[in-house]
Amino acid sequence: VTRSHALESIESIAAADLALQKNPRDEVALRQRARGLNGAEQYL
């Protein structure tokens, strides 16, 4: 909760969320969301 994040990171995470809503096993979306989360310092 103490970590701020750039707009680009939250946009990337949201785009992956939408893809994973359609297909929870979308490997590319999972990887994209992991990258966005790393950018947002949400390492866990």
PDB file of all heavy atoms in Angstrom:
ATOM      1  N   VAL A   1       0.808  -1.221   0.000  1.00  0.00           N
ATOM      2  CA  VAL A   1       0.000   0.000   0.000  1.00  0.00           C
ATOM      3  C   VAL A   1       0.842   1.273   0.000  1.00  0.00           C
ATOM      4  O   VAL A   1       0.358   2.343  -0.365  1.00  0.00           O
ATOM      5  CB  VAL A   1      -0.963   0.026   1.208  1.00  0.00           C
ATOM      6  CG1 VAL A   1      -1.978  -1.093   1.095  1.00  0.00           C
ATOM      7  CG2 VAL A   1      -0.196  -0.055   2.521  1.00  0.00           C
ATOM      8  N   THR A   2       2.097   1.185   0.414  1.00  0.00           N
ATOM      9  CA  THR A   2       2.911   2.403   0.504  1.00  0.00           C
ATOM     10  C   THR A   2       3.573   2.758  -0.817  1.00  0.00           C
ATOM     11  O   THR A   2       4.260   3.773  -0.912  1.00  0.00           O
ATOM     12  CB  THR A   2       4.012   2.230   1.570  1.00  0.00           C
ATOM     13  OG1 THR A   2       4.879   1.159   1.168  1.00  0.00           O
ATOM     14  CG2 THR A   2       3.417   1.927   2.932  1.00  0.00           C
ATOM     15  N   ARG A   3       3.372   1.946  -1.834  1.00  0.00           N
ATOM     16  CA  ARG A   3       4.095   2.147  -3.087  1.00  0.00           C
ATOM     17  C   ARG A   3       3.227   2.851  -4.122  1.00  0.00           C
ATOM     18  O   ARG A   3       2.133   2.406  -4.448  1.00  0.00           O
ATOM     19  CB  ARG A   3       4.568   0.798  -3.637  1.00  0.00           C
ATOM     20  CG  ARG A   3       5.609   0.145  -2.730  1.00  0.00           C
ATOM     21  CD  ARG A   3       5.729  -1.331  -2.972  1.00  0.00           C
ATOM     22  NE  ARG A   3       6.640  -1.926  -1.983  1.00  0.00           N
ATOM     23  CZ  ARG A   3       6.614  -3.205  -1.652  1.00  0.00           C
ATOM     24  NH1 ARG A   3       5.727  -4.024  -2.185  1.00  0.00           N
ATOM     25  NH2 ARG A   3       7.467  -3.685  -0.768  1.00  0.00           N
ATOM     26  N   SER A   4       3.740   3.942  -4.629  1.00  0.00           N
ATOM     27  CA  SER A   4       3.048   4.646  -5.709  1.00  0.00           C
ATOM     28  C   SER A   4       3.378   3.961  -7.028  1.00  0.00           C
ATOM     29  O   SER A   4       4.240   3.088  -7.090  1.00  0.00           O
ATOM     30  CB  SER A   4       3.484   6.111  -5.746  1.00  0.00           C
ATOM     31  OG  SER A   4       4.876   6.190  -5.968  1.00  0.00           O
ATOM     32  N   HIS A   5       2.704   4.355  -8.081  1.00  0.00           N
ATOM     33  CA  HIS A   5       2.969   3.730  -9.375  1.00  0.00           C
ATOM     34  C   HIS A   5       2.610   4.698 -10.497  1.00  0.00           C
ATOM     35  O   HIS A   5       1.788   5.594 -10.334  1.00  0.00           O
ATOM     36  CB  HIS A   5       2.185   2.421  -9.532  1.00  0.00           C
ATOM     37  CG  HIS A   5       0.729   2.557  -9.196  1.00  0.00           C
ATOM     38  ND1 HIS A   5       0.215   2.265  -7.954  1.00  0.00           N
ATOM     39  CD2 HIS A   5      -0.313   2.980  -9.940  1.00  0.00           C
ATOM     40  CE1 HIS A   5      -1.077   2.483  -7.941  1.00  0.00           C
ATOM     41  NE2 HIS A   5      -1.434   2.922  -9.133  1.00  0.00           N
ATOM     42  N   ALA A   6       3.256   4.483 -11.632  1.00  0.00           N
ATOM     43  CA  ALA A   6       3.009   5.328 -12.799  1.00  0.00           C
ATOM     44  C   ALA A   6       1.688   4.954 -13.458  1.00  0.00           C
ATOM     45  O   ALA A   6       1.198   3.823 -13.331  1.00  0.00           O
ATOM     46  CB  ALA A   6       4.155   5.179 -13.797  1.00  0.00           C
ATOM     47  N   LEU A   7       1.122   5.900 -14.181  1.00  0.00           N
ATOM     48  CA  LEU A   7      -0.125   5.655 -14.900  1.00  0.00           C
ATOM     49  C   LEU A   7       0.027   4.501 -15.877  1.00  0.00           C
ATOM     50  O   LEU A   7      -0.867   3.655 -16.017  1.00  0.00           O
ATOM     51  CB  LEU A   7      -0.554   6.925 -15.635  1.00  0.00           C
ATOM     52  CG  LEU A   7      -1.812   6.846 -16.486  1.00  0.00           C
ATOM     53  CD1 LEU A   7      -3.018   6.443 -15.640  1.00  0.00           C
ATOM     54  CD2 LEU A   7      -2.071   8.170 -17.189  1.00  0.00           C
ATOM     55  N   GLU A   8       1.170   4.429 -16.560  1.00  0.00           N
ATOM     56  CA  GLU A   8       1.395   3.371 -17.557  1.00  0.00           C
ATOM     57  C   GLU A   8       1.309   1.983 -16.923  1.00  0.00           C
ATOM     58  O   GLU A   8       0.793   1.039 -17.531  1.00  0.00           O
ATOM     59  CB  GLU A   8       2.753   3.554 -18.233  1.00  0.00           C
ATOM     60  CG  GLU A   8       2.879   4.782 -19.106  1.00  0.00           C
ATOM     61  CD  GLU A   8       3.077   6.077 -18.308  1.00  0.00           C
ATOM     62  OE1 GLU A   8       3.276   6.010 -17.063  1.00  0.00           O
ATOM     63  OE2 GLU A   8       3.022   7.153 -18.924  1.00  0.00           O
ATOM     64  N   SER A   9       1.802   1.854 -15.687  1.00  0.00           N
ATOM     65  CA  SER A   9       1.775   0.548 -15.020  1.00  0.00           C
ATOM     66  C   SER A   9       0.343   0.114 -14.740  1.00  0.00           C
ATOM     67  O   SER A   9      -0.033  -1.035 -15.006  1.00  0.00           O
ATOM     68  CB  SER A   9       2.561   0.604 -13.705  1.00  0.00           C
ATOM     69  OG  SER A   9       3.933   0.811 -13.944  1.00  0.00           O
ATOM     70  N   ILE A  10      -0.478   1.013 -14.210  1.00  0.00           N
ATOM     71  CA  ILE A  10      -1.848   0.644 -13.877  1.00  0.00           C
ATOM     72  C   ILE A  10      -2.661   0.388 -15.147  1.00  0.00           C
ATOM     73  O   ILE A  10      -3.549  -0.473 -15.168  1.00  0.00           O
ATOM     74  CB  ILE A  10      -2.516   1.705 -12.979  1.00  0.00           C
ATOM     75  CG1 ILE A  10      -3.595   1.061 -12.099  1.00  0.00           C
ATOM     76  CG2 ILE A  10      -3.088   2.863 -13.760  1.00  0.00           C
ATOM     77  CD1 ILE A  10      -3.079   0.216 -10.985  1.00  0.00           C
ATOM     78  N   GLU A  11      -2.353   1.101 -16.235  1.00  0.00           N
ATOM     79  CA  GLU A  11      -3.031   0.834 -17.518  1.00  0.00           C
ATOM     80  C   GLU A  11      -2.676  -0.552 -18.032  1.00  0.00           C
ATOM     81  O   GLU A  11      -3.544  -1.284 -18.523  1.00  0.00           O
ATOM     82  CB  GLU A  11      -2.620   1.895 -18.545  1.00  0.00           C
ATOM     83  CG  GLU A  11      -3.226   3.266 -18.289  1.00  0.00           C
ATOM     84  CD  GLU A  11      -2.660   4.345 -19.201  1.00  0.00           C
ATOM     85  OE1 GLU A  11      -1.521   4.165 -19.707  1.00  0.00           O
ATOM     86  OE2 GLU A  11      -3.333   5.361 -19.417  1.00  0.00           O
ATOM     87  N   SER A  12      -1.396  -0.928 -17.901  1.00  0.00           N
ATOM     88  CA  SER A  12      -0.952  -2.251 -18.351  1.00  0.00           C
ATOM     89  C   SER A  12      -1.614  -3.349 -17.524  1.00  0.00           C
ATOM     90  O   SER A  12      -2.058  -4.374 -18.071  1.00  0.00           O
ATOM     91  CB  SER A  12       0.572  -2.344 -18.234  1.00  0.00           C
ATOM     92  OG  SER A  12       1.020  -3.636 -18.542  1.00  0.00           O
ATOM     93  N   ILE A  13      -1.693  -3.126 -16.221  1.00  0.00           N
ATOM     94  CA  ILE A  13      -2.323  -4.128 -15.338  1.00  0.00           C
ATOM     95  C   ILE A  13      -3.803  -4.264 -15.674  1.00  0.00           C
ATOM     96  O   ILE A  13      -4.349  -5.376 -15.751  1.00  0.00           O
ATOM     97  CB  ILE A  13      -2.128  -3.731 -13.863  1.00  0.00           C
ATOM     98  CG1 ILE A  13      -0.640  -3.699 -13.513  1.00  0.00           C
ATOM     99  CG2 ILE A  13      -2.859  -4.699 -12.944  1.00  0.00           C
ATOM    100  CD1 ILE A  13      -0.328  -3.009 -12.200  1.00  0.00           C
ATOM    101  N   ALA A  14      -4.477  -3.139 -15.911  1.00  0.00           N
ATOM    102  CA  ALA A  14      -5.912  -3.178 -16.237  1.00  0.00           C
ATOM    103  C   ALA A  14      -6.158  -3.896 -17.561  1.00  0.00           C
ATOM    104  O   ALA A  14      -7.119  -4.675 -17.690  1.00  0.00           O
ATOM    105  CB  ALA A  14      -6.464  -1.755 -16.296  1.00  0.00           C
ATOM    106  N   ALA A  15      -5.295  -3.659 -18.557  1.00  0.00           N
ATOM    107  CA  ALA A  15      -5.447  -4.342 -19.853  1.00  0.00           C
ATOM    108  C   ALA A  15      -5.304  -5.848 -19.682  1.00  0.00           C
ATOM    109  O   ALA A  15      -6.070  -6.635 -20.278  1.00  0.00           O
ATOM    110  CB  ALA A  15      -4.406  -3.818 -20.837  1.00  0.00           C
ATOM    111  N   ALA A  16      -4.346  -6.262 -18.843  1.00  0.00           N
ATOM    112  CA  ALA A  16      -4.175  -7.701 -18.595  1.00  0.00           C
ATOM    113  C   ALA A  16      -5.365  -8.260 -17.825  1.00  0.00           C
ATOM    114  O   ALA A  16      -5.801  -9.401 -18.078  1.00  0.00           O
ATOM    115  CB  ALA A  16      -2.878  -7.932 -17.826  1.00  0.00           C
ATOM    116  N   ASP A  17      -5.899  -7.478 -16.881  1.00  0.00           N
ATOM    117  CA  ASP A  17      -7.100  -7.913 -16.152  1.00  0.00           C
ATOM    118  C   ASP A  17      -8.231  -8.266 -17.118  1.00  0.00           C
ATOM    119  O   ASP A  17      -8.899  -9.296 -16.962  1.00  0.00           O
ATOM    120  CB  ASP A  17      -7.592  -6.782 -15.230  1.00  0.00           C
ATOM    121  CG  ASP A  17      -6.759  -6.635 -13.969  1.00  0.00           C
ATOM    122  OD1 ASP A  17      -6.035  -7.576 -13.602  1.00  0.00           O
ATOM    123  OD2 ASP A  17      -6.831  -5.547 -13.346  1.00  0.00           O
ATOM    124  N   LEU A  18      -8.445  -7.378 -18.089  1.00  0.00           N
ATOM    125  CA  LEU A  18      -9.542  -7.597 -19.032  1.00  0.00           C
ATOM    126  C   LEU A  18      -9.313  -8.855 -19.861  1.00  0.00           C
ATOM    127  O   LEU A  18     -10.256  -9.617 -20.129  1.00  0.00           O
ATOM    128  CB  LEU A  18      -9.686  -6.373 -19.941  1.00  0.00           C
ATOM    129  CG  LEU A  18     -10.168  -5.096 -19.239  1.00  0.00           C
ATOM    130  CD1 LEU A  18     -10.080  -3.898 -20.179  1.00  0.00           C
ATOM    131  CD2 LEU A  18     -11.593  -5.262 -18.717  1.00  0.00           C
ATOM    132  N   ALA A  19      -8.073  -9.085 -20.267  1.00  0.00           N
ATOM    133  CA  ALA A  19      -7.762 -10.302 -21.036  1.00  0.00           C
ATOM    134  C   ALA A  19      -7.973 -11.547 -20.185  1.00  0.00           C
ATOM    135  O   ALA A  19      -8.492 -12.565 -20.663  1.00  0.00           O
ATOM    136  CB  ALA A  19      -6.318 -10.235 -21.543  1.00  0.00           C
ATOM    137  N   LEU A  20      -7.587 -11.473 -18.913  1.00  0.00           N
ATOM    138  CA  LEU A  20      -7.709 -12.634 -18.032  1.00  0.00           C
ATOM    139  C   LEU A  20      -9.145 -12.887 -17.614  1.00  0.00           C
ATOM    140  O   LEU A  20      -9.495 -14.008 -17.232  1.00  0.00           O
ATOM    141  CB  LEU A  20      -6.816 -12.447 -16.805  1.00  0.00           C
ATOM    142  CG  LEU A  20      -5.312 -12.581 -17.106  1.00  0.00           C
ATOM    143  CD1 LEU A  20      -4.470 -12.019 -15.975  1.00  0.00           C
ATOM    144  CD2 LEU A  20      -4.958 -14.054 -17.364  1.00  0.00           C
ATOM    145  N   GLN A  21      -9.998 -11.863 -17.694  1.00  0.00           N
ATOM    146  CA  GLN A  21     -11.421 -12.095 -17.447  1.00  0.00           C
ATOM    147  C   GLN A  21     -11.989 -13.017 -18.518  1.00  0.00           C
ATOM    148  O   GLN A  21     -12.834 -13.875 -18.244  1.00  0.00           O
ATOM    149  CB  GLN A  21     -12.177 -10.757 -17.454  1.00  0.00           C
ATOM    150  CG  GLN A  21     -12.037  -9.962 -16.173  1.00  0.00           C
ATOM    151  CD  GLN A  21     -12.794  -8.649 -16.228  1.00  0.00           C
ATOM    152  OE1 GLN A  21     -13.635  -8.444 -17.108  1.00  0.00           O
ATOM    153  NE2 GLN A  21     -12.503  -7.755 -15.294  1.00  0.00           N
ATOM    154  N   LYS A  22     -11.491 -12.860 -19.743  1.00  0.00           N
ATOM    155  CA  LYS A  22     -11.957 -13.694 -20.847  1.00  0.00           C
ATOM    156  C   LYS A  22     -11.331 -15.076 -20.803  1.00  0.00           C
ATOM    157  O   LYS A  22     -11.971 -16.080 -21.139  1.00  0.00           O
ATOM    158  CB  LYS A  22     -11.624 -13.018 -22.184  1.00  0.00           C
ATOM    159  CG  LYS A  22     -12.332 -11.683 -22.386  1.00  0.00           C
ATOM    160  CD  LYS A  22     -11.875 -11.017 -23.674  1.00  0.00           C
ATOM    161  CE  LYS A  22     -12.532  -9.670 -23.870  1.00  0.00           C
ATOM    162  NZ  LYS A  22     -12.032  -8.959 -25.085  1.00  0.00           N
ATOM    163  N   ASN A  23     -10.054 -15.119 -20.396  1.00  0.00           N
ATOM    164  CA  ASN A  23      -9.346 -16.399 -20.365  1.00  0.00           C
ATOM    165  C   ASN A  23      -8.341 -16.396 -19.212  1.00  0.00           C
ATOM    166  O   ASN A  23      -7.239 -15.884 -19.342  1.00  0.00           O
ATOM    167  CB  ASN A  23      -8.606 -16.640 -21.684  1.00  0.00           C
ATOM    168  CG  ASN A  23      -7.800 -17.937 -21.660  1.00  0.00           C
ATOM    169  OD1 ASN A  23      -7.983 -18.770 -20.773  1.00  0.00           O
ATOM    170  ND2 ASN A  23      -6.920 -18.108 -22.637  1.00  0.00           N
ATOM    171  N   PRO A  24      -8.709 -16.967 -18.057  1.00  0.00           N
ATOM    172  CA  PRO A  24      -7.827 -16.967 -16.886  1.00  0.00           C
ATOM    173  C   PRO A  24      -6.497 -17.682 -17.117  1.00  0.00           C
ATOM    174  O   PRO A  24      -5.567 -17.496 -16.330  1.00  0.00           O
ATOM    175  CB  PRO A  24      -8.655 -17.684 -15.815  1.00  0.00           C
ATOM    176  CG  PRO A  24     -10.075 -17.567 -16.274  1.00  0.00           C
ATOM    177  CD  PRO A  24     -10.013 -17.586 -17.767  1.00  0.00           C
ATOM    178  N   ARG A  25      -6.385 -18.469 -18.195  1.00  0.00           N
ATOM    179  CA  ARG A  25      -5.149 -19.187 -18.483  1.00  0.00           C
ATOM    180  C   ARG A  25      -4.357 -18.528 -19.618  1.00  0.00           C
ATOM    181  O   ARG A  25      -3.522 -19.165 -20.248  1.00  0.00           O
ATOM    182  CB  ARG A  25      -5.461 -20.638 -18.851  1.00  0.00           C
ATOM    183  CG  ARG A  25      -6.040 -21.442 -17.681  1.00  0.00           C
ATOM    184  CD  ARG A  25      -6.460 -22.842 -18.114  1.00  0.00           C
ATOM    185  NE  ARG A  25      -5.351 -23.607 -18.650  1.00  0.00           N
ATOM    186  CZ  ARG A  25      -4.440 -24.265 -17.919  1.00  0.00           C
ATOM    187  NH1 ARG A  25      -4.521 -24.217 -16.581  1.00  0.00           N
ATOM    188  NH2 ARG A  25      -3.475 -24.964 -18.484  1.00  0.00           N
ATOM    189  N   ASP A  26      -4.613 -17.264 -19.827  1.00  0.00           N
ATOM    190  CA  ASP A  26      -3.900 -16.525 -20.870  1.00  0.00           C
ATOM    191  C   ASP A  26      -2.480 -16.226 -20.369  1.00  0.00           C
ATOM    192  O   ASP A  26      -2.244 -15.300 -19.580  1.00  0.00           O
ATOM    193  CB  ASP A  26      -4.650 -15.218 -21.173  1.00  0.00           C
ATOM    194  CG  ASP A  26      -4.058 -14.463 -22.353  1.00  0.00           C
ATOM    195  OD1 ASP A  26      -2.843 -14.566 -22.589  1.00  0.00           O
ATOM    196  OD2 ASP A  26      -4.818 -13.737 -23.025  1.00  0.00           O
ATOM    197  N   GLU A  27      -1.536 -17.012 -20.857  1.00  0.00           N
ATOM    198  CA  GLU A  27      -0.151 -16.892 -20.380  1.00  0.00           C
ATOM    199  C   GLU A  27       0.446 -15.525 -20.688  1.00  0.00           C
ATOM    200  O   GLU A  27       1.147 -14.931 -19.862  1.00  0.00           O
ATOM    201  CB  GLU A  27       0.693 -17.986 -21.042  1.00  0.00           C
ATOM    202  CG  GLU A  27       2.161 -17.922 -20.686  1.00  0.00           C
ATOM    203  CD  GLU A  27       3.013 -18.659 -21.712  1.00  0.00           C
ATOM    204  OE1 GLU A  27       2.477 -19.498 -22.461  1.00  0.00           O
ATOM    205  OE2 GLU A  27       4.230 -18.355 -21.764  1.00  0.00           O
ATOM    206  N   VAL A  28       0.171 -15.005 -21.872  1.00  0.00           N
ATOM    207  CA  VAL A  28       0.710 -13.696 -22.261  1.00  0.00           C
ATOM    208  C   VAL A  28       0.173 -12.607 -21.345  1.00  0.00           C
ATOM    209  O   VAL A  28       0.922 -11.712 -20.907  1.00  0.00           O
ATOM    210  CB  VAL A  28       0.366 -13.383 -23.736  1.00  0.00           C
ATOM    211  CG1 VAL A  28       0.792 -11.968 -24.097  1.00  0.00           C
ATOM    212  CG2 VAL A  28       1.036 -14.407 -24.656  1.00  0.00           C
ATOM    213  N   ALA A  29      -1.118 -12.675 -21.016  1.00  0.00           N
ATOM    214  CA  ALA A  29      -1.719 -11.670 -20.137  1.00  0.00           C
ATOM    215  C   ALA A  29      -1.147 -11.764 -18.721  1.00  0.00           C
ATOM    216  O   ALA A  29      -0.912 -10.742 -18.070  1.00  0.00           O
ATOM    217  CB  ALA A  29      -3.234 -11.833 -20.111  1.00  0.00           C
ATOM    218  N   LEU A  30      -0.925 -12.990 -18.255  1.00  0.00           N
ATOM    219  CA  LEU A  30      -0.318 -13.161 -16.930  1.00  0.00           C
ATOM    220  C   LEU A  30       1.081 -12.551 -16.893  1.00  0.00           C
ATOM    221  O   LEU A  30       1.449 -11.873 -15.923  1.00  0.00           O
ATOM    222  CB  LEU A  30      -0.254 -14.647 -16.566  1.00  0.00           C
ATOM    223  CG  LEU A  30      -1.569 -15.289 -16.099  1.00  0.00           C
ATOM    224  CD1 LEU A  30      -1.441 -16.808 -16.095  1.00  0.00           C
ATOM    225  CD2 LEU A  30      -1.948 -14.774 -14.706  1.00  0.00           C
ATOM    226  N   ARG A  31       1.850 -12.784 -17.942  1.00  0.00           N
ATOM    227  CA  ARG A  31       3.195 -12.225 -18.010  1.00  0.00           C
ATOM    228  C   ARG A  31       3.139 -10.695 -18.094  1.00  0.00           C
ATOM    229  O   ARG A  31       3.911 -10.001 -17.442  1.00  0.00           O
ATOM    230  CB  ARG A  31       3.922 -12.784 -19.225  1.00  0.00           C
ATOM    231  CG  ARG A  31       5.381 -12.356 -19.313  1.00  0.00           C
ATOM    232  CD  ARG A  31       5.898 -12.454 -20.737  1.00  0.00           C
ATOM    233  NE  ARG A  31       5.561 -13.713 -21.366  1.00  0.00           N
ATOM    234  CZ  ARG A  31       5.249 -13.852 -22.656  1.00  0.00           C
ATOM    235  NH1 ARG A  31       5.191 -12.775 -23.449  1.00  0.00           N
ATOM    236  NH2 ARG A  31       4.974 -15.028 -23.167  1.00  0.00           N
ATOM    237  N   GLN A  32       2.196 -10.184 -18.887  1.00  0.00           N
ATOM    238  CA  GLN A  32       2.043  -8.731 -19.019  1.00  0.00           C
ATOM    239  C   GLN A  32       1.655  -8.110 -17.690  1.00  0.00           C
ATOM    240  O   GLN A  32       2.176  -7.057 -17.293  1.00  0.00           O
ATOM    241  CB  GLN A  32       0.982  -8.408 -20.064  1.00  0.00           C
ATOM    242  CG  GLN A  32       0.688  -6.907 -20.195  1.00  0.00           C
ATOM    243  CD  GLN A  32      -0.502  -6.613 -21.099  1.00  0.00           C
ATOM    244  OE1 GLN A  32      -0.831  -7.402 -21.983  1.00  0.00           O
ATOM    245  NE2 GLN A  32      -1.157  -5.483 -20.865  1.00  0.00           N
ATOM    246  N   ARG A  33       0.760  -8.782 -16.969  1.00  0.00           N
ATOM    247  CA  ARG A  33       0.336  -8.221 -15.681  1.00  0.00           C
ATOM    248  C   ARG A  33       1.483  -8.271 -14.668  1.00  0.00           C
ATOM    249  O   ARG A  33       1.652  -7.348 -13.875  1.00  0.00           O
ATOM    250  CB  ARG A  33      -0.890  -8.965 -15.152  1.00  0.00           C
ATOM    251  CG  ARG A  33      -1.563  -8.234 -14.000  1.00  0.00           C
ATOM    252  CD  ARG A  33      -2.957  -8.746 -13.737  1.00  0.00           C
ATOM    253  NE  ARG A  33      -2.960 -10.087 -13.161  1.00  0.00           N
ATOM    254  CZ  ARG A  33      -4.058 -10.755 -12.815  1.00  0.00           C
ATOM    255  NH1 ARG A  33      -5.245 -10.191 -13.003  1.00  0.00           N
ATOM    256  NH2 ARG A  33      -4.002 -11.967 -12.313  1.00  0.00           N
ATOM    257  N   ALA A  34       2.288  -9.342 -14.724  1.00  0.00           N
ATOM    258  CA  ALA A  34       3.454  -9.420 -13.839  1.00  0.00           C
ATOM    259  C   ALA A  34       4.412  -8.275 -14.119  1.00  0.00           C
ATOM    260  O   ALA A  34       4.951  -7.651 -13.192  1.00  0.00           O
ATOM    261  CB  ALA A  34       4.161 -10.764 -14.021  1.00  0.00           C
ATOM    262  N   ARG A  35       4.608  -7.958 -15.408  1.00  0.00           N
ATOM    263  CA  ARG A  35       5.507  -6.857 -15.773  1.00  0.00           C
ATOM    264  C   ARG A  35       4.946  -5.522 -15.265  1.00  0.00           C
ATOM    265  O   ARG A  35       5.684  -4.696 -14.712  1.00  0.00           O
ATOM    266  CB  ARG A  35       5.701  -6.800 -17.288  1.00  0.00           C
ATOM    267  CG  ARG A  35       6.706  -5.729 -17.729  1.00  0.00           C
ATOM    268  CD  ARG A  35       6.946  -5.756 -19.230  1.00  0.00           C
ATOM    269  NE  ARG A  35       7.529  -7.022 -19.638  1.00  0.00           N
ATOM    270  CZ  ARG A  35       6.939  -7.926 -20.429  1.00  0.00           C
ATOM    271  NH1 ARG A  35       5.729  -7.677 -20.924  1.00  0.00           N
ATOM    272  NH2 ARG A  35       7.525  -9.056 -20.737  1.00  0.00           N
ATOM    273  N   GLY A  36       3.644  -5.320 -15.446  1.00  0.00           N
ATOM    274  CA  GLY A  36       3.024  -4.096 -14.955  1.00  0.00           C
ATOM    275  C   GLY A  36       3.099  -3.990 -13.443  1.00  0.00           C
ATOM    276  O   GLY A  36       3.353  -2.913 -12.892  1.00  0.00           O
ATOM    277  N   LEU A  37       2.906  -5.106 -12.754  1.00  0.00           N
ATOM    278  CA  LEU A  37       2.973  -5.116 -11.296  1.00  0.00           C
ATOM    279  C   LEU A  37       4.393  -4.849 -10.804  1.00  0.00           C
ATOM    280  O   LEU A  37       4.595  -4.152  -9.803  1.00  0.00           O
ATOM    281  CB  LEU A  37       2.453  -6.444 -10.754  1.00  0.00           C
ATOM    282  CG  LEU A  37       0.927  -6.628 -10.874  1.00  0.00           C
ATOM    283  CD1 LEU A  37       0.540  -8.079 -10.708  1.00  0.00           C
ATOM    284  CD2 LEU A  37       0.199  -5.749  -9.853  1.00  0.00           C
ATOM    285  N   ASN A  38       5.385  -5.385 -11.501  1.00  0.00           N
ATOM    286  CA  ASN A  38       6.769  -5.065 -11.146  1.00  0.00           C
ATOM    287  C   ASN A  38       7.031  -3.571 -11.323  1.00  0.00           C
ATOM    288  O   ASN A  38       7.700  -2.939 -10.504  1.00  0.00           O
ATOM    289  CB  ASN A  38       7.749  -5.878 -12.001  1.00  0.00           C
ATOM    290  CG  ASN A  38       8.083  -7.226 -11.377  1.00  0.00           C
ATOM    291  OD1 ASN A  38       8.098  -7.367 -10.160  1.00  0.00           O
ATOM    292  ND2 ASN A  38       8.365  -8.216 -12.216  1.00  0.00           N
ATOM    293  N   GLY A  39       6.499  -3.013 -12.410  1.00  0.00           N
ATOM    294  CA  GLY A  39       6.654  -1.579 -12.632  1.00  0.00           C
ATOM    295  C   GLY A  39       5.988  -0.753 -11.550  1.00  0.00           C
ATOM    296  O   GLY A  39       6.436   0.350 -11.228  1.00  0.00           O
ATOM    297  N   ALA A  40       4.922  -1.298 -10.960  1.00  0.00           N
ATOM    298  CA  ALA A  40       4.197  -0.615  -9.888  1.00  0.00           C
ATOM    299  C   ALA A  40       4.753  -0.973  -8.505  1.00  0.00           C
ATOM    300  O   ALA A  40       4.166  -0.584  -7.490  1.00  0.00           O
ATOM    301  CB  ALA A  40       2.718  -0.967  -9.945  1.00  0.00           C
ATOM    302  N   GLU A  41       5.850  -1.702  -8.476  1.00  0.00           N
ATOM    303  CA  GLU A  41       6.502  -2.122  -7.226  1.00  0.00           C
ATOM    304  C   GLU A  41       5.588  -2.996  -6.375  1.00  0.00           C
ATOM    305  O   GLU A  41       5.673  -3.001  -5.134  1.00  0.00           O
ATOM    306  CB  GLU A  41       6.995  -0.919  -6.424  1.00  0.00           C
ATOM    307  CG  GLU A  41       8.030  -0.086  -7.166  1.00  0.00           C
ATOM    308  CD  GLU A  41       8.576   1.059  -6.314  1.00  0.00           C
ATOM    309  OE1 GLU A  41       8.758   0.878  -5.098  1.00  0.00           O
ATOM    310  OE2 GLU A  41       8.818   2.126  -6.890  1.00  0.00           O
ATOM    311  N   GLN A  42       4.743  -3.765  -7.040  1.00  0.00           N
ATOM    312  CA  GLN A  42       3.872  -4.720  -6.354  1.00  0.00           C
ATOM    313  C   GLN A  42       4.465  -6.124  -6.562  1.00  0.00           C
ATOM    314  O   GLN A  42       3.952  -6.949  -7.313  1.00  0.00           O
ATOM    315  CB  GLN A  42       2.444  -4.623  -6.913  1.00  0.00           C
ATOM    316  CG  GLN A  42       1.781  -3.293  -6.705  1.00  0.00           C
ATOM    317  CD  GLN A  42       1.482  -3.029  -5.231  1.00  0.00           C
ATOM    318  OE1 GLN A  42       1.321  -3.955  -4.437  1.00  0.00           O
ATOM    319  NE2 GLN A  42       1.395  -1.752  -4.873  1.00  0.00           N
ATOM    320  N   TYR A  43       5.560  -6.373  -5.848  1.00  0.00           N
ATOM    321  CA  TYR A  43       6.384  -7.536  -6.159  1.00  0.00           C
ATOM    322  C   TYR A  43       5.741  -8.867  -5.762  1.00  0.00           C
ATOM    323  O   TYR A  43       5.924  -9.868  -6.449  1.00  0.00           O
ATOM    324  CB  TYR A  43       7.753  -7.382  -5.498  1.00  0.00           C
ATOM    325  CG  TYR A  43       8.447  -6.097  -5.895  1.00  0.00           C
ATOM    326  CD1 TYR A  43       8.852  -5.170  -4.938  1.00  0.00           C
ATOM    327  CD2 TYR A  43       8.658  -5.786  -7.243  1.00  0.00           C
ATOM    328  CE1 TYR A  43       9.460  -3.972  -5.306  1.00  0.00           C
ATOM    329  CE2 TYR A  43       9.258  -4.591  -7.614  1.00  0.00           C
ATOM    330  CZ  TYR A  43       9.656  -3.699  -6.632  1.00  0.00           C
ATOM    331  OH  TYR A  43      10.249  -2.516  -6.994  1.00  0.00           O
ATOM    332  N   LEU A  44       4.984  -8.892  -4.681  1.00  0.00           N
ATOM    333  CA  LEU A  44       4.326 -10.137  -4.291  1.00  0.00           C
ATOM    334  C   LEU A  44       3.273 -10.544  -5.323  1.00  0.00           C
ATOM    335  O   LEU A  44       3.160 -11.715  -5.691  1.00  0.00           O
ATOM    336  CB  LEU A  44       3.690  -9.979  -2.907  1.00  0.00           C
ATOM    337  CG  LEU A  44       4.685  -9.923  -1.738  1.00  0.00           C
ATOM    338  CD1 LEU A  44       3.976  -9.495  -0.459  1.00  0.00           C
ATOM    339  CD2 LEU A  44       5.363 -11.275  -1.541  1.00  0.00           C
TER     340      LEU A  44
END
